[in-house]
Amino acid sequence: MHPSPSKTPRRRLYTEAERARRDATKWTLVQGLLAPAQFVAFAVSVVLVLRFLWTGEGYLAATVSIIVKTGFLYVIMVTGAIWEKVVFGQYLFAPAFFWEDVFSFAVIALHSAYIWALYTGYLSPSELMFLALAAYATYVVNAGQFLWKLRLARLDAEAETVEENRTMAEVVA
């Protein structure tokens, strides 16, 4: 039997200074409130969009719900960029959240395409709803990316607690 290759420890999501800035800024709370609100708007909107596609009824409700969801997206993207600037020193594409930011632009592009198509009348109501569903699919992937990073941050915090406890035990011993 060969010994298993050693795992290279992954880079922590935040340095100590970044974590301190993250915990100190009001923008962390803002993001923490906006993210679930956007998810609720998304869930309601998906139901309304699917209802329209299945029954042909409720176009106005579905349209308003998509606009509301898109509004949440724009607000969370602007405030998220501010959060990133406070925590990492740059508005977007900080190494810790690079791919989340890249994919966020696809999410924004599809939601914005919906708004443009609605405004110009370029697509039929059903086509608009399918475009909204495509935008929502990218949103789900992007939300998953951010949830994964939240999990990594929690794992980092747990590992730090274990390290601190081990250090304290060594000092006491």
Protein backbone atom coordinates (compact mmCIF):
# COMPACT_ATOMS: atom_id res chain seq x y z
CA MET A 1 0.00 0.00 0.00
CA HIS A 2 1.14 3.46 -0.81
CA PRO A 3 0.61 6.23 1.65
CA SER A 4 -2.13 8.57 0.63
CA PRO A 5 -0.88 11.82 -0.83
CA SER A 6 -0.98 14.65 1.62
CA LYS A 7 -3.74 17.10 1.11
CA THR A 8 -2.61 20.59 0.37
CA PRO A 9 -4.50 22.85 2.72
CA ARG A 10 -6.76 25.17 0.83
CA ARG A 11 -6.26 28.87 1.13
CA ARG A 12 -8.56 30.43 3.69
CA LEU A 13 -11.35 32.53 2.25
CA TYR A 14 -10.46 35.56 4.39
CA THR A 15 -7.26 36.76 5.96
CA GLU A 16 -7.58 37.86 9.58
CA ALA A 17 -7.75 41.50 8.48
CA GLU A 18 -10.37 40.76 5.81
CA ARG A 19 -12.46 38.80 8.27
CA ALA A 20 -12.27 41.67 10.75
CA ARG A 21 -13.40 44.13 8.05
CA ARG A 22 -16.16 41.72 6.97
CA ASP A 23 -17.45 41.43 10.52
CA ALA A 24 -17.21 45.18 11.17
CA THR A 25 -18.95 46.54 8.07
CA LYS A 26 -22.67 47.24 7.88
CA TRP A 27 -22.56 45.92 4.30
CA THR A 28 -22.30 42.35 5.60
CA LEU A 29 -25.66 42.79 7.32
CA VAL A 30 -27.11 44.47 4.22
CA GLN A 31 -26.05 41.48 2.10
CA GLY A 32 -27.38 39.11 4.74
CA LEU A 33 -30.80 40.76 4.55
CA LEU A 34 -30.96 41.29 0.79
CA ALA A 35 -29.96 37.74 -0.18
CA PRO A 36 -32.97 36.00 1.44
CA ALA A 37 -35.30 38.80 0.31
CA GLN A 38 -34.11 38.30 -3.26
CA PHE A 39 -34.64 34.55 -2.89
CA VAL A 40 -38.23 35.07 -1.72
CA ALA A 41 -38.86 37.38 -4.70
CA PHE A 42 -37.34 34.70 -6.95
CA ALA A 43 -39.48 31.89 -5.49
CA VAL A 44 -42.70 33.89 -5.85
CA SER A 45 -41.75 34.93 -9.35
CA VAL A 46 -40.97 31.38 -10.49
CA VAL A 47 -44.43 30.30 -9.42
CA LEU A 48 -46.05 33.23 -11.23
CA VAL A 49 -43.99 32.72 -14.40
CA LEU A 50 -44.76 28.99 -14.49
CA ARG A 51 -48.44 29.71 -13.84
CA PHE A 52 -48.50 32.05 -16.84
CA LEU A 53 -46.71 29.53 -19.05
CA TRP A 54 -49.08 26.71 -18.03
CA THR A 55 -52.36 28.62 -18.04
CA GLY A 56 -51.77 31.80 -20.05
CA GLU A 57 -53.10 33.75 -17.07
CA GLY A 58 -51.37 36.22 -14.79
CA TYR A 59 -49.02 37.88 -17.27
CA LEU A 60 -49.03 41.20 -15.39
CA ALA A 61 -48.33 39.54 -12.02
CA ALA A 62 -45.50 37.49 -13.51
CA THR A 63 -44.04 40.55 -15.22
CA VAL A 64 -44.16 42.66 -12.05
CA SER A 65 -42.57 39.83 -10.09
CA ILE A 66 -39.69 39.59 -12.57
CA ILE A 67 -39.14 43.34 -12.37
CA VAL A 68 -39.12 43.16 -8.56
CA LYS A 69 -36.67 40.24 -8.62
CA THR A 70 -34.45 42.14 -11.06
CA GLY A 71 -34.56 45.20 -8.82
CA PHE A 72 -33.35 43.09 -5.90
CA LEU A 73 -30.58 41.74 -8.11
CA TYR A 74 -29.37 45.21 -9.08
CA VAL A 75 -29.42 46.41 -5.47
CA ILE A 76 -27.62 43.34 -4.18
CA MET A 77 -25.00 43.62 -6.92
CA VAL A 78 -24.25 47.28 -6.15
CA THR A 79 -24.17 46.74 -2.39
CA GLY A 80 -22.14 43.55 -2.91
CA ALA A 81 -19.54 45.50 -4.87
CA ILE A 82 -19.36 48.00 -2.02
CA TRP A 83 -19.00 45.12 0.47
CA GLU A 84 -16.20 43.65 -1.65
CA LYS A 85 -14.41 47.03 -1.72
CA VAL A 86 -14.63 47.35 2.08
CA VAL A 87 -13.51 43.77 2.76
CA PHE A 88 -11.00 43.13 -0.06
CA GLY A 89 -10.06 46.61 -1.26
CA GLN A 90 -11.58 46.30 -4.74
CA TYR A 91 -15.11 46.61 -6.05
CA LEU A 92 -15.19 43.38 -8.02
CA PHE A 93 -13.15 40.30 -8.87
CA ALA A 94 -11.36 39.94 -5.55
CA PRO A 95 -9.56 36.59 -5.75
CA ALA A 96 -11.78 35.02 -3.07
CA PHE A 97 -14.95 35.77 -5.08
CA PHE A 98 -13.61 36.01 -8.63
CA TRP A 99 -15.73 33.26 -10.21
CA GLU A 100 -18.85 34.29 -8.33
CA ASP A 101 -18.42 37.80 -9.73
CA VAL A 102 -17.80 36.49 -13.24
CA PHE A 103 -20.97 34.39 -13.14
CA SER A 104 -22.89 37.29 -11.58
CA PHE A 105 -22.35 39.20 -14.81
CA ALA A 106 -24.13 36.44 -16.73
CA VAL A 107 -26.99 36.68 -14.23
CA ILE A 108 -27.14 40.47 -14.64
CA ALA A 109 -26.90 40.20 -18.43
CA LEU A 110 -29.88 37.85 -18.67
CA HIS A 111 -32.02 39.85 -16.24
CA SER A 112 -31.10 43.05 -18.11
CA ALA A 113 -31.92 41.39 -21.44
CA TYR A 114 -35.36 40.63 -20.02
CA ILE A 115 -35.87 44.28 -19.02
CA TRP A 116 -34.68 45.45 -22.44
CA ALA A 117 -36.90 42.96 -24.30
CA LEU A 118 -39.88 43.93 -22.15
CA TYR A 119 -39.26 47.64 -22.73
CA THR A 120 -38.76 47.30 -26.48
CA GLY A 121 -41.46 44.70 -27.06
CA TYR A 122 -38.85 42.59 -28.84
CA LEU A 123 -40.14 39.28 -27.44
CA SER A 124 -43.61 37.82 -27.06
CA PRO A 125 -44.98 37.31 -23.53
CA SER A 126 -44.10 33.61 -23.60
CA GLU A 127 -40.61 34.31 -24.92
CA LEU A 128 -40.14 36.86 -22.15
CA MET A 129 -41.10 34.26 -19.57
CA PHE A 130 -38.64 31.73 -20.98
CA LEU A 131 -35.93 34.41 -20.91
CA ALA A 132 -36.81 35.07 -17.27
CA LEU A 133 -36.50 31.35 -16.51
CA ALA A 134 -33.06 31.31 -18.17
CA ALA A 135 -32.07 34.29 -16.02
CA TYR A 136 -33.41 32.46 -12.97
CA ALA A 137 -31.42 29.33 -13.80
CA THR A 138 -28.21 31.37 -13.81
CA TYR A 139 -29.29 33.01 -10.55
CA VAL A 140 -29.70 29.59 -8.92
CA VAL A 141 -26.18 28.57 -9.98
CA ASN A 142 -24.77 31.89 -8.73
CA ALA A 143 -26.64 31.62 -5.43
CA GLY A 144 -25.17 28.14 -5.05
CA GLN A 145 -21.70 29.57 -5.56
CA PHE A 146 -22.25 32.08 -2.78
CA LEU A 147 -23.76 29.46 -0.47
CA TRP A 148 -20.68 27.32 -1.04
CA LYS A 149 -18.46 30.27 -0.07
CA LEU A 150 -20.56 30.81 3.06
CA ARG A 151 -19.97 27.15 3.94
CA LEU A 152 -16.22 27.52 3.35
CA ALA A 153 -16.16 30.60 5.61
CA ARG A 154 -17.89 28.59 8.34
CA LEU A 155 -15.44 25.71 7.92
CA ASP A 156 -12.57 28.20 8.18
CA ALA A 157 -14.05 29.61 11.39
CA GLU A 158 -14.41 26.10 12.84
CA ALA A 159 -10.80 25.26 11.89
CA GLU A 160 -9.58 28.46 13.52
CA THR A 161 -11.46 27.59 16.71
CA VAL A 162 -9.85 24.13 16.74
CA GLU A 163 -6.40 25.68 16.18
CA GLU A 164 -6.96 28.22 18.95
CA ASN A 165 -8.11 25.48 21.36
CA ARG A 166 -5.09 23.35 20.46
CA THR A 167 -2.75 26.30 21.04
CA MET A 168 -4.37 27.07 24.38
CA ALA A 169 -4.06 23.42 25.42
CA GLU A 170 -0.36 23.46 24.49
CA VAL A 171 0.20 26.65 26.48
CA VAL A 172 -1.56 25.19 29.52
CA ALA A 173 0.29 21.87 29.27
